[in-house]
Amino acid sequence: MAAPGLLPGIGRFFEVATALGRVSRPYSKPHAFTEVRQLPKSQLTKLVFPLQDLERYLLPDSKPDLHLKTFDPRLEDIARADWFFTATERNRIEYHSSAVRLDHAPALARPEVCFIGRSNVGKSSLIKALFSLAPEVEVRVSKKPGHTKKMNFFKVGKYFTLVDMPGYGYRAPEDFVDMVETYLKERKNLMRTFLLVDSVVGIQKADNIAIEMCEELALPYVMVLTKIDKSSKGHLLKQVLQIQKFVDTKTQGCFPQLFPVSAVTYSGIHLLRCFIANITGNLKTDGV
């Protein structure tokens, strides 16, 4: 049965696509934004604005259900945002330190963002993709769930700090709740929490616990949908619509727009960089 809001026939279209192989993955390496801007419009939209790319598969009366352009920067802004993530002699991007408790965390005055998510959600892979313009930055990625056991701090020039938090759920550190909840509650310079959800399976029980924690602490947070390259368009749309409805009806502190991303095709990575640059006060755009 087709997901609500899908155009008639899309299910059959993707049955054929599956028979021929998964939907085309034309991108498998990081692109400088000067290259991206030269792509045909349809390919640019797919790479930079994956949520807007899904819009063409929706019935007209379903489009208001998705917040497609709450954050809608210009291409010029996105190009500028990529600069903050590009390592140069004057813009050093590097791993700084790790901590198992907040009182062990580095005392960094710059704005901070953190990434949390269920074990095996693709968190470290996403952070590595965000830092793909700084290839010397070592972000350890493992095929085994629960690889990250500490809070890992990465300095992005003089502009902000990005924190890779341990995964929750399977093989989470025994002191995960104390470690993460204390950090989220007491870290004064934390600007936004990015909560990662696997777009293939949707919001799970462990995700609900993390969402409840963010809501109880009145934290501003953003929902990032990972692994969008793993699903057919039909399945992805179904998940996106369900998660969007959850955000609209069950949350107070979650940013209304979803951010679908792929660490494999780099779809959505440029837009996410721009959002981070914006909320850390380094780039002024509309919509936040």
Protein backbone atom coordinates (compact mmCIF):
# COMPACT_ATOMS: atom_id res chain seq x y z
CA MET A 1 0.00 0.00 0.00
CA ALA A 2 1.45 3.38 -0.95
CA ALA A 3 2.32 5.83 1.81
CA PRO A 4 -0.18 8.67 2.34
CA GLY A 5 0.55 11.59 0.02
CA LEU A 6 2.50 9.68 -2.61
CA LEU A 7 1.68 10.13 -6.25
CA PRO A 8 -0.26 7.19 -7.72
CA GLY A 9 2.05 4.78 -9.47
CA ILE A 10 5.21 5.69 -7.57
CA GLY A 11 5.24 2.28 -5.93
CA ARG A 12 5.26 0.59 -9.33
CA PHE A 13 7.96 2.99 -10.54
CA PHE A 14 10.28 2.01 -7.73
CA GLU A 15 9.51 -1.69 -8.12
CA VAL A 16 11.01 -1.32 -11.60
CA ALA A 17 13.90 0.74 -10.22
CA THR A 18 14.63 -1.96 -7.66
CA ALA A 19 14.61 -4.62 -10.35
CA LEU A 20 17.20 -2.62 -12.25
CA GLY A 21 19.23 -1.84 -9.13
CA ARG A 22 18.89 0.80 -6.43
CA VAL A 23 18.13 4.38 -7.35
CA SER A 24 21.16 5.91 -9.07
CA ARG A 25 23.93 7.15 -6.79
CA PRO A 26 25.85 9.61 -8.98
CA TYR A 27 27.82 11.08 -6.09
CA SER A 28 30.31 9.15 -3.98
CA LYS A 29 32.88 11.80 -3.15
CA PRO A 30 32.84 15.27 -1.59
CA HIS A 31 32.24 18.09 -4.04
CA ALA A 32 33.52 21.64 -3.76
CA PHE A 33 30.48 23.86 -3.95
CA THR A 34 31.79 25.57 -7.08
CA GLU A 35 31.38 22.18 -8.79
CA VAL A 36 27.95 21.64 -7.27
CA ARG A 37 26.62 24.95 -8.59
CA GLN A 38 27.45 23.87 -12.13
CA LEU A 39 25.22 20.77 -11.92
CA PRO A 40 21.87 20.67 -13.73
CA LYS A 41 19.11 22.01 -11.50
CA SER A 42 17.55 18.61 -10.78
CA GLN A 43 20.88 17.12 -9.72
CA LEU A 44 21.76 20.17 -7.64
CA THR A 45 18.43 19.96 -5.81
CA LYS A 46 18.94 16.26 -5.14
CA LEU A 47 22.43 16.85 -3.73
CA VAL A 48 21.89 20.07 -1.79
CA PHE A 49 18.17 20.07 -0.94
CA PRO A 50 17.13 16.40 -0.69
CA LEU A 51 13.93 17.25 1.16
CA GLN A 52 12.83 19.57 -1.64
CA ASP A 53 13.76 16.84 -4.14
CA LEU A 54 11.14 14.60 -2.52
CA GLU A 55 8.49 17.27 -3.05
CA ARG A 56 7.84 16.26 -6.67
CA TYR A 57 6.61 12.83 -5.52
CA LEU A 58 3.94 14.29 -3.24
CA LEU A 59 0.34 15.09 -4.02
CA PRO A 60 -0.33 18.86 -3.90
CA ASP A 61 -2.41 18.64 -0.70
CA SER A 62 0.44 16.81 1.09
CA LYS A 63 3.08 19.49 0.52
CA PRO A 64 2.05 21.64 3.53
CA ASP A 65 2.79 18.61 5.75
CA LEU A 66 6.52 19.04 5.09
CA HIS A 67 8.46 22.11 6.21
CA LEU A 68 10.50 22.32 3.04
CA LYS A 69 11.89 25.84 3.30
CA THR A 70 11.87 26.90 6.95
CA PHE A 71 15.62 27.06 6.51
CA ASP A 72 16.11 28.16 2.92
CA PRO A 73 19.55 29.74 2.41
CA ARG A 74 20.79 31.11 -0.88
CA LEU A 75 23.38 29.12 -2.79
CA GLU A 76 25.84 31.91 -2.01
CA ASP A 77 25.28 31.34 1.72
CA ILE A 78 25.84 27.60 1.34
CA ALA A 79 29.09 28.25 -0.51
CA ARG A 80 30.23 30.57 2.29
CA ALA A 81 29.31 27.98 4.91
CA ASP A 82 31.52 25.38 3.24
CA TRP A 83 34.46 27.70 3.87
CA PHE A 84 34.13 27.22 7.64
CA PHE A 85 34.54 23.47 7.14
CA THR A 86 37.53 23.80 4.79
CA ALA A 87 40.92 23.30 6.43
CA THR A 88 43.54 25.94 5.61
CA GLU A 89 46.59 27.34 7.36
CA ARG A 90 44.39 30.04 8.88
CA ASN A 91 41.39 27.80 9.53
CA ARG A 92 42.61 24.77 11.45
CA ILE A 93 40.10 21.97 11.91
CA GLU A 94 41.22 19.29 14.31
CA TYR A 95 40.35 16.78 16.97
CA HIS A 96 40.88 18.47 20.32
CA SER A 97 40.21 15.99 23.13
CA SER A 98 37.84 13.42 24.63
CA ALA A 99 36.01 13.27 27.94
CA VAL A 100 33.93 10.78 29.89
CA ARG A 101 32.43 13.41 32.21
CA LEU A 102 31.53 17.05 31.84
CA ASP A 103 34.15 18.12 34.38
CA HIS A 104 36.75 16.50 32.10
CA ALA A 105 35.50 18.39 29.02
CA PRO A 106 37.68 21.14 27.58
CA ALA A 107 36.82 24.67 28.64
CA LEU A 108 36.18 26.10 25.19
CA ALA A 109 34.36 29.42 25.03
CA ARG A 110 33.33 29.16 21.38
CA PRO A 111 29.79 28.05 20.41
CA GLU A 112 29.23 24.30 20.50
CA VAL A 113 26.98 21.81 18.71
CA CYS A 114 26.65 18.14 19.58
CA PHE A 115 25.53 15.05 17.67
CA ILE A 116 23.72 12.23 19.43
CA GLY A 117 22.01 9.13 18.09
CA ARG A 118 21.34 5.44 18.47
CA SER A 119 24.27 3.06 18.08
CA ASN A 120 24.83 2.27 14.38
CA VAL A 121 22.80 5.28 13.19
CA GLY A 122 25.80 6.47 11.18
CA LYS A 123 26.82 9.34 13.46
CA SER A 124 30.59 9.09 13.04
CA SER A 125 30.16 8.58 9.29
CA LEU A 126 28.07 11.76 9.10
CA ILE A 127 30.63 13.77 11.06
CA LYS A 128 33.37 12.45 8.77
CA ALA A 129 31.31 13.62 5.77
CA LEU A 130 30.87 17.06 7.33
CA PHE A 131 34.66 17.22 7.70
CA SER A 132 35.36 15.90 4.20
CA LEU A 133 36.85 19.29 3.26
CA ALA A 134 39.39 18.76 6.04
CA PRO A 135 40.59 15.22 5.18
CA GLU A 136 43.38 15.22 7.78
CA VAL A 137 40.82 15.30 10.60
CA GLU A 138 40.60 11.78 12.00
CA VAL A 139 37.06 10.67 12.74
CA ARG A 140 37.09 7.00 13.63
CA VAL A 141 34.31 5.03 11.93
CA SER A 142 33.57 1.44 12.88
CA LYS A 143 31.19 -1.17 11.47
CA LYS A 144 30.54 -2.31 15.04
CA PRO A 145 27.71 -0.47 16.86
CA GLY A 146 28.66 1.43 20.01
CA HIS A 147 32.20 2.29 18.90
CA THR A 148 32.15 5.81 20.37
CA LYS A 149 32.50 5.59 24.17
CA LYS A 150 33.48 9.15 25.04
CA MET A 151 32.53 12.69 24.15
CA ASN A 152 34.90 13.68 21.34
CA PHE A 153 35.53 17.39 20.77
CA PHE A 154 36.55 18.82 17.38
CA LYS A 155 37.64 22.43 16.95
CA VAL A 156 36.45 24.09 13.75
CA GLY A 157 38.82 27.01 13.32
CA LYS A 158 38.14 29.77 15.81
CA TYR A 159 34.43 29.54 15.06
CA PHE A 160 32.80 26.64 16.92
CA THR A 161 33.28 23.18 18.42
CA LEU A 162 31.54 20.02 17.23
CA VAL A 163 31.01 17.22 19.75
CA ASP A 164 30.55 13.57 18.82
CA MET A 165 28.58 11.95 21.66
CA PRO A 166 28.49 8.22 22.49
CA GLY A 167 25.68 6.28 20.86
CA TYR A 168 22.71 5.19 22.95
CA GLY A 169 21.00 1.82 22.88
CA TYR A 170 23.04 -1.26 21.98
CA ARG A 171 26.53 -1.33 23.56
CA ALA A 172 26.11 2.16 25.01
CA PRO A 173 28.54 3.08 27.83
CA GLU A 174 27.21 2.12 31.26
CA ASP A 175 27.32 5.74 32.39
CA PHE A 176 25.74 7.05 29.18
CA VAL A 177 22.76 8.75 30.84
CA ASP A 178 24.85 10.53 33.46
CA MET A 179 27.47 11.55 30.90
CA VAL A 180 25.11 12.84 28.22
CA GLU A 181 22.32 14.27 30.37
CA THR A 182 24.78 16.23 32.49
CA TYR A 183 26.46 17.61 29.38
CA LEU A 184 23.15 18.59 27.75
CA LYS A 185 21.84 20.17 30.93
CA GLU A 186 24.92 22.10 32.04
CA ARG A 187 27.04 22.92 28.96
CA LYS A 188 26.60 26.69 28.79
CA ASN A 189 27.86 27.22 25.26
CA LEU A 190 25.80 24.42 23.66
CA MET A 191 23.87 26.07 20.84
CA ARG A 192 22.02 23.10 19.31
CA THR A 193 21.73 19.34 19.64
CA PHE A 194 21.51 17.27 16.45
CA LEU A 195 19.54 14.10 17.08
CA LEU A 196 20.16 11.48 14.39
CA VAL A 197 17.44 9.06 13.30
CA ASP A 198 17.98 6.17 10.87
CA SER A 199 15.70 6.96 7.92
CA VAL A 200 15.46 3.26 7.02
CA VAL A 201 13.79 2.19 10.28
CA GLY A 202 12.40 5.50 11.57
CA ILE A 203 12.04 6.57 15.19
CA GLN A 204 12.78 3.68 17.56
CA LYS A 205 12.10 3.23 21.27
CA ALA A 206 15.61 4.36 22.19
CA ASP A 207 15.13 7.47 20.03
CA ASN A 208 11.95 8.30 21.94
CA ILE A 209 13.91 8.27 25.19
CA ALA A 210 16.48 10.69 23.74
CA ILE A 211 13.70 12.92 22.38
CA GLU A 212 11.98 12.96 25.77
CA MET A 213 15.29 13.95 27.41
CA CYS A 214 15.70 16.88 24.99
CA GLU A 215 12.09 17.95 25.59
CA GLU A 216 12.34 17.71 29.38
CA LEU A 217 15.52 19.77 29.37
CA ALA A 218 13.89 22.30 27.00
CA LEU A 219 16.78 21.98 24.58
CA PRO A 220 16.60 23.31 21.04
CA TYR A 221 17.36 20.33 18.82
CA VAL A 222 17.24 19.24 15.19
CA MET A 223 16.27 15.89 13.73
CA VAL A 224 18.71 14.60 11.09
CA LEU A 225 17.63 11.59 9.02
CA THR A 226 20.64 9.46 8.10
CA LYS A 227 21.27 6.78 5.44
CA ILE A 228 18.83 8.18 2.88
CA ASP A 229 20.81 6.39 0.17
CA LYS A 230 19.74 3.02 1.63
CA SER A 231 16.03 3.27 0.78
CA SER A 232 13.83 3.56 -2.27
CA LYS A 233 12.18 6.95 -2.71
CA GLY A 234 8.82 5.43 -1.78
CA HIS A 235 10.05 4.06 1.54
CA LEU A 236 11.99 7.25 2.31
CA LEU A 237 8.94 9.40 1.67
CA LYS A 238 6.82 7.25 3.95
CA GLN A 239 9.36 7.60 6.76
CA VAL A 240 9.80 11.34 6.20
CA LEU A 241 6.05 11.96 6.35
CA GLN A 242 5.68 9.90 9.52
CA ILE A 243 8.63 11.59 11.24
CA GLN A 244 7.44 15.05 10.17
CA LYS A 245 4.02 14.34 11.69
CA PHE A 246 5.73 13.21 14.91
CA VAL A 247 7.80 16.42 15.07
CA ASP A 248 4.73 18.60 14.43
CA THR A 249 2.45 16.90 16.97
CA LYS A 250 4.73 15.42 19.65
CA THR A 251 7.59 17.89 20.12
CA GLN A 252 8.07 21.44 21.32
CA GLY A 253 11.81 22.03 21.05
CA CYS A 254 12.54 20.33 17.74
CA PHE A 255 13.28 22.53 14.73
CA PRO A 256 10.32 21.99 12.37
CA GLN A 257 12.36 21.18 9.25
CA LEU A 258 13.93 17.73 8.89
CA PHE A 259 17.44 17.33 7.48
CA PRO A 260 17.80 14.14 5.39
CA VAL A 261 21.44 13.28 4.69
CA SER A 262 23.69 10.60 3.25
CA ALA A 263 27.31 10.13 4.25
CA VAL A 264 27.73 8.00 1.11
CA THR A 265 26.38 10.31 -1.61
CA TYR A 266 26.91 13.53 0.42
CA SER A 267 23.30 14.48 -0.21
CA GLY A 268 22.21 17.12 2.32
CA ILE A 269 25.73 17.65 3.69
CA HIS A 270 26.19 21.15 2.24
CA LEU A 271 22.83 22.31 3.66
CA LEU A 272 23.62 20.88 7.08
CA ARG A 273 26.98 22.68 7.14
CA CYS A 274 25.17 25.91 6.34
CA PHE A 275 22.67 25.36 9.16
CA ILE A 276 25.49 24.73 11.64
CA ALA A 277 27.35 27.85 10.52
CA ASN A 278 24.12 29.81 10.98
CA ILE A 279 23.14 28.65 14.45
CA THR A 280 26.68 29.12 15.78
CA GLY A 281 26.46 32.78 14.77
CA ASN A 282 29.05 32.62 12.02
CA LEU A 283 26.73 33.08 9.03
CA LYS A 284 23.53 35.08 8.78
CA THR A 285 20.74 33.50 6.73
CA ASP A 286 16.95 33.48 6.89
CA GLY A 287 14.82 30.87 8.60
CA VAL A 288 16.46 30.05 11.96
